[in-house]
Amino acid sequence: MPKMKTHSSSKKRFKFTATGKIKRAKAYRRHHAWAKNAKSVRSLRGGAIVHDSNEARIKLLMPYA
């Protein structure tokens, strides 16, 4: 059986932590920052952990991570 390929856009968007959780970037920060409050833009700065309901789907896309 051939090896599975890692999904290319997924490997750019997600990183795995040492405990096996999946990190992601927060949405709504790319453009139109002038229309958002400074407080809301600051809250979008850090990363977030992927929700449990989506975790299995992402692990299928990244079999060797």
C-alpha atoms as a PDB file:
ATOM      1  CA  MET A   1       0.000   0.000   0.000  1.00  0.00           C
ATOM      2  CA  PRO A   2       1.437   3.439  -0.881  1.00  0.00           C
ATOM      3  CA  LYS A   3       2.133   6.101   1.662  1.00  0.00           C
ATOM      4  CA  MET A   4      -0.567   8.659   2.417  1.00  0.00           C
ATOM      5  CA  LYS A   5       0.154  12.217   1.372  1.00  0.00           C
ATOM      6  CA  THR A   6      -0.069  15.051   3.870  1.00  0.00           C
ATOM      7  CA  HIS A   7      -2.648  17.657   2.874  1.00  0.00           C
ATOM      8  CA  SER A   8      -0.597  20.654   1.691  1.00  0.00           C
ATOM      9  CA  SER A   9      -2.765  23.471   3.000  1.00  0.00           C
ATOM     10  CA  SER A  10      -3.223  21.721   6.344  1.00  0.00           C
ATOM     11  CA  LYS A  11       0.500  21.479   7.024  1.00  0.00           C
ATOM     12  CA  LYS A  12       0.729  25.257   6.513  1.00  0.00           C
ATOM     13  CA  ARG A  13      -2.223  26.054   8.780  1.00  0.00           C
ATOM     14  CA  PHE A  14      -1.884  23.670  11.733  1.00  0.00           C
ATOM     15  CA  LYS A  15       0.867  22.736  14.184  1.00  0.00           C
ATOM     16  CA  PHE A  16       0.863  19.996  16.800  1.00  0.00           C
ATOM     17  CA  THR A  17       1.776  20.663  20.424  1.00  0.00           C
ATOM     18  CA  ALA A  18       3.921  18.311  22.477  1.00  0.00           C
ATOM     19  CA  THR A  19       0.805  16.844  24.110  1.00  0.00           C
ATOM     20  CA  GLY A  20      -0.836  16.155  20.738  1.00  0.00           C
ATOM     21  CA  LYS A  21      -3.286  19.043  20.590  1.00  0.00           C
ATOM     22  CA  ILE A  22      -3.576  21.045  17.363  1.00  0.00           C
ATOM     23  CA  LYS A  23      -2.860  24.771  17.231  1.00  0.00           C
ATOM     24  CA  ARG A  24      -4.435  27.125  14.702  1.00  0.00           C
ATOM     25  CA  ALA A  25      -4.421  30.846  13.922  1.00  0.00           C
ATOM     26  CA  LYS A  26      -7.465  32.971  14.690  1.00  0.00           C
ATOM     27  CA  ALA A  27      -9.634  34.275  11.870  1.00  0.00           C
ATOM     28  CA  TYR A  28     -10.741  37.862  11.005  1.00  0.00           C
ATOM     29  CA  ARG A  29      -7.345  39.501  11.345  1.00  0.00           C
ATOM     30  CA  ARG A  30      -6.105  39.719   7.749  1.00  0.00           C
ATOM     31  CA  HIS A  31      -7.578  43.017   6.536  1.00  0.00           C
ATOM     32  CA  HIS A  32     -10.034  45.808   7.430  1.00  0.00           C
ATOM     33  CA  ALA A  33      -8.380  46.239  10.805  1.00  0.00           C
ATOM     34  CA  TRP A  34      -9.496  49.894  10.816  1.00  0.00           C
ATOM     35  CA  ALA A  35     -13.095  48.726  11.140  1.00  0.00           C
ATOM     36  CA  LYS A  36     -12.378  46.628  14.219  1.00  0.00           C
ATOM     37  CA  ASN A  37     -11.775  47.756  17.798  1.00  0.00           C
ATOM     38  CA  ALA A  38      -8.187  47.702  18.994  1.00  0.00           C
ATOM     39  CA  LYS A  39      -9.321  45.387  21.782  1.00  0.00           C
ATOM     40  CA  SER A  40     -10.758  42.859  19.338  1.00  0.00           C
ATOM     41  CA  VAL A  41      -7.663  42.957  17.116  1.00  0.00           C
ATOM     42  CA  ARG A  42      -5.450  42.372  20.165  1.00  0.00           C
ATOM     43  CA  SER A  43      -7.541  39.378  21.179  1.00  0.00           C
ATOM     44  CA  LEU A  44      -6.975  37.808  17.759  1.00  0.00           C
ATOM     45  CA  ARG A  45      -3.191  37.944  18.135  1.00  0.00           C
ATOM     46  CA  GLY A  46      -2.349  34.627  19.700  1.00  0.00           C
ATOM     47  CA  GLY A  47      -3.127  31.160  18.493  1.00  0.00           C
ATOM     48  CA  ALA A  48      -5.979  28.905  19.540  1.00  0.00           C
ATOM     49  CA  ILE A  49      -6.512  25.193  20.033  1.00  0.00           C
ATOM     50  CA  VAL A  50      -8.663  23.331  17.523  1.00  0.00           C
ATOM     51  CA  HIS A  51     -11.997  22.176  18.945  1.00  0.00           C
ATOM     52  CA  ASP A  52     -12.401  18.486  19.785  1.00  0.00           C
ATOM     53  CA  SER A  53     -15.114  18.021  17.161  1.00  0.00           C
ATOM     54  CA  ASN A  54     -12.700  19.026  14.358  1.00  0.00           C
ATOM     55  CA  GLU A  55      -9.593  17.335  15.711  1.00  0.00           C
ATOM     56  CA  ALA A  56     -10.186  13.901  14.155  1.00  0.00           C
ATOM     57  CA  ARG A  57     -10.779  15.405  10.714  1.00  0.00           C
ATOM     58  CA  ILE A  58      -7.495  17.319  10.798  1.00  0.00           C
ATOM     59  CA  LYS A  59      -5.575  14.269  11.982  1.00  0.00           C
ATOM     60  CA  LEU A  60      -6.781  12.405   8.872  1.00  0.00           C
ATOM     61  CA  LEU A  61      -5.341  15.172   6.711  1.00  0.00           C
ATOM     62  CA  MET A  62      -1.967  15.040   8.483  1.00  0.00           C
ATOM     63  CA  PRO A  63      -1.200  11.359   9.044  1.00  0.00           C
ATOM     64  CA  TYR A  64       2.519  11.749   9.897  1.00  0.00           C
ATOM     65  CA  ALA A  65       2.407  14.785  12.159  1.00  0.00           C
END
